[in-house]
Amino acid sequence: PVQKTYYKAIYERNTSFLFKGAKPSNAPSLMNIMMELRKCCNHPFLIRGAEERILADAITTAEGKSSADNSTSTDYTTLTAEQLVKSSGKMVLLAKLLPKLYDGGHKVLIFSQM
């Protein structure tokens, strides 16, 4: 859902969403929409300022849940890894597919080019 939200905001040039909570130097450039959409399709973390915003939202959500559960610690490394996977449809597919292939004894070669 995060990837789709960012894609739609870039496509519609929704500056209020894209610049929310970002410094002007850390806001995505909308001069070349096609390149920004391409970056978003690869992974939303490639968009300037998106990674910090996505992680900040995840941290506040996790801290809210941990305070409700009376848990005191939030594992930021695990939270970052989860958000890295959840933010992109490609990564979600790989996260589901790779364990099944590994259990079946298959070998996997991943080639990526931007």
Foldseek 3Di string as FASTA:
>chain_A
DLLVVQLVCLVVVVCCVQCVPHDPVQGFDNPPSVVQNVLSQVFPVSGRPRLVVLLVVLVVVVVVVCVVVVHDDDDSVVSSVVCRQVRHPVSVVCVVPVVVCVVVVHDDDDDDDD
